C-alpha atoms as a PDB file:
ATOM      1  CA  MET A   1      98.146  88.306 104.597  1.00  0.00           C
ATOM      2  CA  LYS A   2     100.239  85.611 106.222  1.00  0.00           C
ATOM      3  CA  LEU A   3     101.490  87.858 109.044  1.00  0.00           C
ATOM      4  CA  LEU A   4      97.904  88.492 110.130  1.00  0.00           C
ATOM      5  CA  GLU A   5      96.809  84.873 109.738  1.00  0.00           C
ATOM      6  CA  ASP A   6      99.753  83.746 111.874  1.00  0.00           C
ATOM      7  CA  ARG A   7      98.797  86.268 114.551  1.00  0.00           C
ATOM      8  CA  ILE A   8      95.184  85.082 114.536  1.00  0.00           C
ATOM      9  CA  LYS A   9      96.335  81.460 114.895  1.00  0.00           C
ATOM     10  CA  ARG A  10      98.677  82.376 117.738  1.00  0.00           C
ATOM     11  CA  ASP A  11      96.599  84.894 119.696  1.00  0.00           C
ATOM     12  CA  GLY A  12      92.985  84.577 118.542  1.00  0.00           C
ATOM     13  CA  THR A  13      90.387  82.802 120.657  1.00  0.00           C
ATOM     14  CA  VAL A  14      87.181  81.253 119.325  1.00  0.00           C
ATOM     15  CA  LEU A  15      84.189  81.949 121.568  1.00  0.00           C
ATOM     16  CA  PRO A  16      80.668  80.498 121.467  1.00  0.00           C
ATOM     17  CA  GLY A  17      78.406  81.983 118.798  1.00  0.00           C
ATOM     18  CA  GLU A  18      81.130  81.971 116.113  1.00  0.00           C
ATOM     19  CA  VAL A  19      82.904  84.932 117.697  1.00  0.00           C
ATOM     20  CA  LEU A  20      86.633  85.383 117.133  1.00  0.00           C
ATOM     21  CA  LYS A  21      88.289  87.297 119.971  1.00  0.00           C
ATOM     22  CA  VAL A  22      91.370  89.221 118.826  1.00  0.00           C
ATOM     23  CA  ASP A  23      91.398  91.868 121.517  1.00  0.00           C
ATOM     24  CA  ASN A  24      95.083  91.453 122.321  1.00  0.00           C
ATOM     25  CA  PHE A  25      96.200  92.926 118.979  1.00  0.00           C
ATOM     26  CA  LEU A  26      93.262  94.489 117.085  1.00  0.00           C
ATOM     27  CA  ASN A  27      90.249  95.716 118.977  1.00  0.00           C
ATOM     28  CA  HIS A  28      91.201  96.408 122.582  1.00  0.00           C
ATOM     29  CA  GLN A  29      94.963  96.351 122.796  1.00  0.00           C
ATOM     30  CA  VAL A  30      96.423  97.394 119.436  1.00  0.00           C
ATOM     31  CA  ASP A  31      99.720  96.208 117.978  1.00  0.00           C
ATOM     32  CA  PRO A  32     101.008  99.340 116.198  1.00  0.00           C
ATOM     33  CA  GLN A  33     103.576  97.492 114.073  1.00  0.00           C
ATOM     34  CA  LEU A  34     100.967  95.022 112.847  1.00  0.00           C
ATOM     35  CA  MET A  35      98.586  97.925 112.106  1.00  0.00           C
ATOM     36  CA  TYR A  36     101.357  99.640 110.127  1.00  0.00           C
ATOM     37  CA  GLU A  37     101.804  96.502 108.018  1.00  0.00           C
ATOM     38  CA  ILE A  38      98.020  96.244 107.582  1.00  0.00           C
ATOM     39  CA  GLY A  39      97.961  99.853 106.396  1.00  0.00           C
ATOM     40  CA  GLY A  40     100.652  99.039 103.860  1.00  0.00           C
ATOM     41  CA  GLU A  41      98.705  96.053 102.578  1.00  0.00           C
ATOM     42  CA  PHE A  42      95.555  98.158 102.123  1.00  0.00           C
ATOM     43  CA  LYS A  43      97.667 100.697 100.245  1.00  0.00           C
ATOM     44  CA  ARG A  44      98.982  97.959  97.946  1.00  0.00           C
ATOM     45  CA  LEU A  45      95.493  96.560  97.323  1.00  0.00           C
ATOM     46  CA  PHE A  46      93.814  99.903  96.619  1.00  0.00           C
ATOM     47  CA  GLU A  47      96.652 102.091  95.310  1.00  0.00           C
ATOM     48  CA  ASP A  48      95.176 102.303  91.795  1.00  0.00           C
ATOM     49  CA  ALA A  49      91.593 102.980  92.973  1.00  0.00           C
ATOM     50  CA  GLY A  50      91.921 106.778  93.224  1.00  0.00           C
ATOM     51  CA  VAL A  51      91.031 106.861  96.940  1.00  0.00           C
ATOM     52  CA  THR A  52      90.692 110.398  98.335  1.00  0.00           C
ATOM     53  CA  ARG A  53      89.321 109.601 101.797  1.00  0.00           C
ATOM     54  CA  ILE A  54      88.931 106.620 104.130  1.00  0.00           C
ATOM     55  CA  LEU A  55      85.754 105.994 106.109  1.00  0.00           C
ATOM     56  CA  THR A  56      85.415 103.727 109.148  1.00  0.00           C
ATOM     57  CA  VAL A  57      83.305 103.311 112.300  1.00  0.00           C
ATOM     58  CA  GLU A  58      84.537 103.964 115.817  1.00  0.00           C
ATOM     59  CA  SER A  59      86.257 102.448 117.558  1.00  0.00           C
ATOM     60  CA  SER A  60      87.869  99.228 116.366  1.00  0.00           C
ATOM     61  CA  GLY A  61      88.083 100.332 112.750  1.00  0.00           C
ATOM     62  CA  ILE A  62      90.093 103.437 113.591  1.00  0.00           C
ATOM     63  CA  ALA A  63      93.532 101.819 114.017  1.00  0.00           C
ATOM     64  CA  PRO A  64      93.651  99.981 110.660  1.00  0.00           C
ATOM     65  CA  ALA A  65      91.953 102.890 108.867  1.00  0.00           C
ATOM     66  CA  LEU A  66      94.383 105.397 110.328  1.00  0.00           C
ATOM     67  CA  MET A  67      97.406 103.351 109.280  1.00  0.00           C
ATOM     68  CA  ALA A  68      95.959 102.914 105.783  1.00  0.00           C
ATOM     69  CA  GLY A  69      95.367 106.679 105.640  1.00  0.00           C
ATOM     70  CA  LEU A  70      98.951 107.298 106.741  1.00  0.00           C
ATOM     71  CA  ARG A  71     100.344 104.916 104.117  1.00  0.00           C
ATOM     72  CA  MET A  72      98.003 106.263 101.368  1.00  0.00           C
ATOM     73  CA  ASN A  73      98.356 109.909 102.424  1.00  0.00           C
ATOM     74  CA  VAL A  74      94.592 110.526 102.610  1.00  0.00           C
ATOM     75  CA  PRO A  75      92.368 111.738 105.460  1.00  0.00           C
ATOM     76  CA  VAL A  76      90.434 109.298 107.641  1.00  0.00           C
ATOM     77  CA  VAL A  77      86.907 109.995 108.874  1.00  0.00           C
ATOM     78  CA  PHE A  78      85.234 107.814 111.451  1.00  0.00           C
ATOM     79  CA  ALA A  79      81.508 107.530 111.958  1.00  0.00           C
ATOM     80  CA  ARG A  80      80.641 108.262 115.557  1.00  0.00           C
ATOM     81  CA  LYS A  81      78.298 106.006 117.480  1.00  0.00           C
ATOM     82  CA  HIS A  82      77.353 108.567 120.079  1.00  0.00           C
ATOM     83  CA  ARG A  83      76.331 112.143 119.584  1.00  0.00           C
ATOM     84  CA  SER A  84      78.054 114.841 121.578  1.00  0.00           C
ATOM     85  CA  LEU A  85      77.587 118.552 122.127  1.00  0.00           C
ATOM     86  CA  THR A  86      79.771 119.156 119.084  1.00  0.00           C
ATOM     87  CA  LEU A  87      78.020 116.663 116.780  1.00  0.00           C
ATOM     88  CA  THR A  88      74.399 117.721 116.576  1.00  0.00           C
ATOM     89  CA  ASP A  89      73.197 118.544 113.074  1.00  0.00           C
ATOM     90  CA  ASN A  90      74.138 118.590 109.390  1.00  0.00           C
ATOM     91  CA  LEU A  91      74.930 114.877 109.593  1.00  0.00           C
ATOM     92  CA  TYR A  92      74.832 111.783 107.466  1.00  0.00           C
ATOM     93  CA  THR A  93      73.438 108.960 109.617  1.00  0.00           C
ATOM     94  CA  ALA A  94      72.696 105.248 109.422  1.00  0.00           C
ATOM     95  CA  THR A  95      71.630 102.596 111.908  1.00  0.00           C
ATOM     96  CA  VAL A  96      73.850  99.548 112.378  1.00  0.00           C
ATOM     97  CA  TYR A  97      73.409  96.474 114.536  1.00  0.00           C
ATOM     98  CA  SER A  98      76.361  95.185 116.552  1.00  0.00           C
ATOM     99  CA  TYR A  99      76.245  91.401 116.871  1.00  0.00           C
ATOM    100  CA  THR A 100      78.882  91.260 119.616  1.00  0.00           C
ATOM    101  CA  LYS A 101      77.238  94.017 121.674  1.00  0.00           C
ATOM    102  CA  GLN A 102      73.643  93.084 120.709  1.00  0.00           C
ATOM    103  CA  VAL A 103      72.599  96.725 120.203  1.00  0.00           C
ATOM    104  CA  ASN A 104      71.618  99.096 117.409  1.00  0.00           C
ATOM    105  CA  ASN A 105      73.818 102.147 117.007  1.00  0.00           C
ATOM    106  CA  ASP A 106      73.062 105.271 115.020  1.00  0.00           C
ATOM    107  CA  ILE A 107      76.344 106.188 113.353  1.00  0.00           C
ATOM    108  CA  SER A 108      76.924 109.751 112.205  1.00  0.00           C
ATOM    109  CA  ILE A 109      79.394 111.736 110.124  1.00  0.00           C
ATOM    110  CA  ASP A 110      79.452 115.503 109.874  1.00  0.00           C
ATOM    111  CA  LYS A 111      78.682 116.443 106.259  1.00  0.00           C
ATOM    112  CA  ARG A 112      81.722 118.751 106.225  1.00  0.00           C
ATOM    113  CA  PHE A 113      84.016 115.740 106.188  1.00  0.00           C
ATOM    114  CA  ILE A 114      82.808 114.138 102.947  1.00  0.00           C
ATOM    115  CA  ASP A 115      83.265 116.072  99.700  1.00  0.00           C
ATOM    116  CA  PRO A 116      81.024 115.454  96.670  1.00  0.00           C
ATOM    117  CA  ASP A 117      84.050 114.506  94.548  1.00  0.00           C
ATOM    118  CA  ASP A 118      85.456 112.027  97.084  1.00  0.00           C
ATOM    119  CA  LYS A 119      86.277 108.455  96.219  1.00  0.00           C
ATOM    120  CA  ILE A 120      85.807 106.600  99.493  1.00  0.00           C
ATOM    121  CA  LEU A 121      87.600 103.515 100.769  1.00  0.00           C
ATOM    122  CA  ILE A 122      85.671 101.900 103.619  1.00  0.00           C
ATOM    123  CA  ILE A 123      87.862 100.081 106.133  1.00  0.00           C
ATOM    124  CA  ASP A 124      86.732  98.074 109.143  1.00  0.00           C
ATOM    125  CA  ASP A 125      88.198  95.553 111.543  1.00  0.00           C
ATOM    126  CA  PHE A 126      85.645  92.769 110.895  1.00  0.00           C
ATOM    127  CA  LEU A 127      83.153  91.788 108.237  1.00  0.00           C
ATOM    128  CA  ALA A 128      80.623  89.215 109.404  1.00  0.00           C
ATOM    129  CA  ASN A 129      76.975  90.010 108.760  1.00  0.00           C
ATOM    130  CA  GLY A 130      77.954  93.286 107.115  1.00  0.00           C
ATOM    131  CA  GLN A 131      75.936  95.695 109.220  1.00  0.00           C
ATOM    132  CA  ALA A 132      78.703  98.254 109.824  1.00  0.00           C
ATOM    133  CA  VAL A 133      79.797  98.203 106.181  1.00  0.00           C
ATOM    134  CA  GLN A 134      76.175  98.513 105.027  1.00  0.00           C
ATOM    135  CA  GLY A 135      75.726 101.540 107.292  1.00  0.00           C
ATOM    136  CA  MET A 136      78.820 103.188 105.838  1.00  0.00           C
ATOM    137  CA  LEU A 137      77.596 102.392 102.311  1.00  0.00           C
ATOM    138  CA  GLU A 138      74.271 104.074 103.163  1.00  0.00           C
ATOM    139  CA  ILE A 139      76.165 107.167 104.294  1.00  0.00           C
ATOM    140  CA  CYS A 140      78.165 107.175 101.043  1.00  0.00           C
ATOM    141  CA  LYS A 141      74.950 106.864  99.040  1.00  0.00           C
ATOM    142  CA  ALA A 142      73.357 109.758 100.963  1.00  0.00           C
ATOM    143  CA  ALA A 143      76.502 111.822 100.331  1.00  0.00           C
ATOM    144  CA  GLN A 144      76.406 110.824  96.644  1.00  0.00           C
ATOM    145  CA  VAL A 145      80.061 109.839  96.647  1.00  0.00           C
ATOM    146  CA  GLU A 146      81.771 107.003  94.829  1.00  0.00           C
ATOM    147  CA  VAL A 147      82.937 103.988  96.824  1.00  0.00           C
ATOM    148  CA  ALA A 148      86.348 102.784  95.642  1.00  0.00           C
ATOM    149  CA  GLY A 149      86.124  99.624  97.715  1.00  0.00           C
ATOM    150  CA  VAL A 150      85.811  97.964 101.080  1.00  0.00           C
ATOM    151  CA  GLY A 151      88.824  96.694 102.984  1.00  0.00           C
ATOM    152  CA  VAL A 152      88.452  94.576 106.100  1.00  0.00           C
ATOM    153  CA  VAL A 153      91.119  93.218 108.362  1.00  0.00           C
ATOM    154  CA  ILE A 154      89.258  89.957 109.094  1.00  0.00           C
ATOM    155  CA  GLU A 155      86.172  88.558 107.425  1.00  0.00           C
ATOM    156  CA  LYS A 156      84.080  85.587 108.430  1.00  0.00           C
ATOM    157  CA  ARG A 157      83.430  84.331 104.897  1.00  0.00           C
ATOM    158  CA  PHE A 158      80.789  81.893 106.134  1.00  0.00           C
ATOM    159  CA  GLN A 159      78.504  84.761 107.173  1.00  0.00           C
ATOM    160  CA  LYS A 160      76.505  86.959 104.808  1.00  0.00           C
ATOM    161  CA  GLY A 161      78.586  90.167 104.796  1.00  0.00           C
ATOM    162  CA  HIS A 162      81.071  89.027 102.141  1.00  0.00           C
ATOM    163  CA  GLN A 163      78.397  88.188  99.591  1.00  0.00           C
ATOM    164  CA  MET A 164      76.354  91.294 100.490  1.00  0.00           C
ATOM    165  CA  VAL A 165      79.279  93.539  99.512  1.00  0.00           C
ATOM    166  CA  LEU A 166      80.008  91.607  96.316  1.00  0.00           C
ATOM    167  CA  ASP A 167      76.320  91.633  95.320  1.00  0.00           C
ATOM    168  CA  GLN A 168      76.492  95.440  95.292  1.00  0.00           C
ATOM    169  CA  GLY A 169      79.364  95.326  92.791  1.00  0.00           C
ATOM    170  CA  ILE A 170      81.886  96.715  95.269  1.00  0.00           C
ATOM    171  CA  HIS A 171      85.576  95.790  95.256  1.00  0.00           C
ATOM    172  CA  LEU A 172      86.182  93.864  98.505  1.00  0.00           C
ATOM    173  CA  GLU A 173      89.534  92.941 100.003  1.00  0.00           C
ATOM    174  CA  ALA A 174      89.900  90.966 103.246  1.00  0.00           C
ATOM    175  CA  LEU A 175      93.369  90.569 104.704  1.00  0.00           C
ATOM    176  CA  ALA A 176      92.356  87.380 106.530  1.00  0.00           C
ATOM    177  CA  SER A 177      89.356  85.384 105.361  1.00  0.00           C
ATOM    178  CA  ILE A 178      87.961  82.781 107.730  1.00  0.00           C
ATOM    179  CA  ALA A 179      86.096  79.810 106.244  1.00  0.00           C
ATOM    180  CA  SER A 180      84.944  78.399 109.591  1.00  0.00           C
ATOM    181  CA  LEU A 181      85.337  78.517 113.334  1.00  0.00           C
ATOM    182  CA  ASP A 182      84.224  74.907 113.877  1.00  0.00           C
ATOM    183  CA  ASP A 183      85.485  72.936 116.872  1.00  0.00           C
ATOM    184  CA  ASN A 184      87.133  76.091 118.271  1.00  0.00           C
ATOM    185  CA  GLN A 185      89.564  76.090 115.345  1.00  0.00           C
ATOM    186  CA  VAL A 186      90.160  78.869 112.828  1.00  0.00           C
ATOM    187  CA  THR A 187      90.138  77.621 109.234  1.00  0.00           C
ATOM    188  CA  PHE A 188      91.142  80.163 106.611  1.00  0.00           C
ATOM    189  CA  ALA A 189      89.423  80.398 103.224  1.00  0.00           C
ATOM    190  CA  ALA A 190      91.383  80.111 100.018  1.00  0.00           C
ATOM    191  CA  PRO A 191      91.904  83.499  98.328  1.00  0.00           C
ATOM    192  CA  ASP A 192      89.392  84.539  95.669  1.00  0.00           C
ATOM    193  CA  ALA A 193      90.558  84.153  92.101  1.00  0.00           C
ATOM    194  CA  LYS A 194      91.201  87.588  90.624  1.00  0.00           C
END
């Protein structure tokens, strides 16, 4: 998605540890117009997949997932990282490791919000090592629902998450695919042949 790649080139910052900081438009401050376009692109990519519900993880995945849900006219459910007084039992859970925060999080979804006949589209902001996506896949497996695909806004193709998703036979679409972050420069990967 050229619009997204241009925004990453213009406003993204490469930090030590192969971290791409895009907090001025994606995961701290959110550009609503860009998210709307991202939602439209996910709709285009998955419109024939029979998606009935979108699943993401709080908090950075919510904006792109919500816009995709709006454009696809399906509900969006986000896995919560912290339990509250209202989220206590009858849950699907998985443990995911956050590389940027260096912590394990137990993510949870109330079982009421996933139906047995759902066809789930998983959407997240980043795919690097694949921990968040793997956690959401574990929840889908526990719920015994079909996964229509995984859509990510930005993937770091040089890390293991991309191949991990493909090795499970899951349709993966990344709107911006980064081949490397060497020398503080973002190099985009060529699109996969379809």
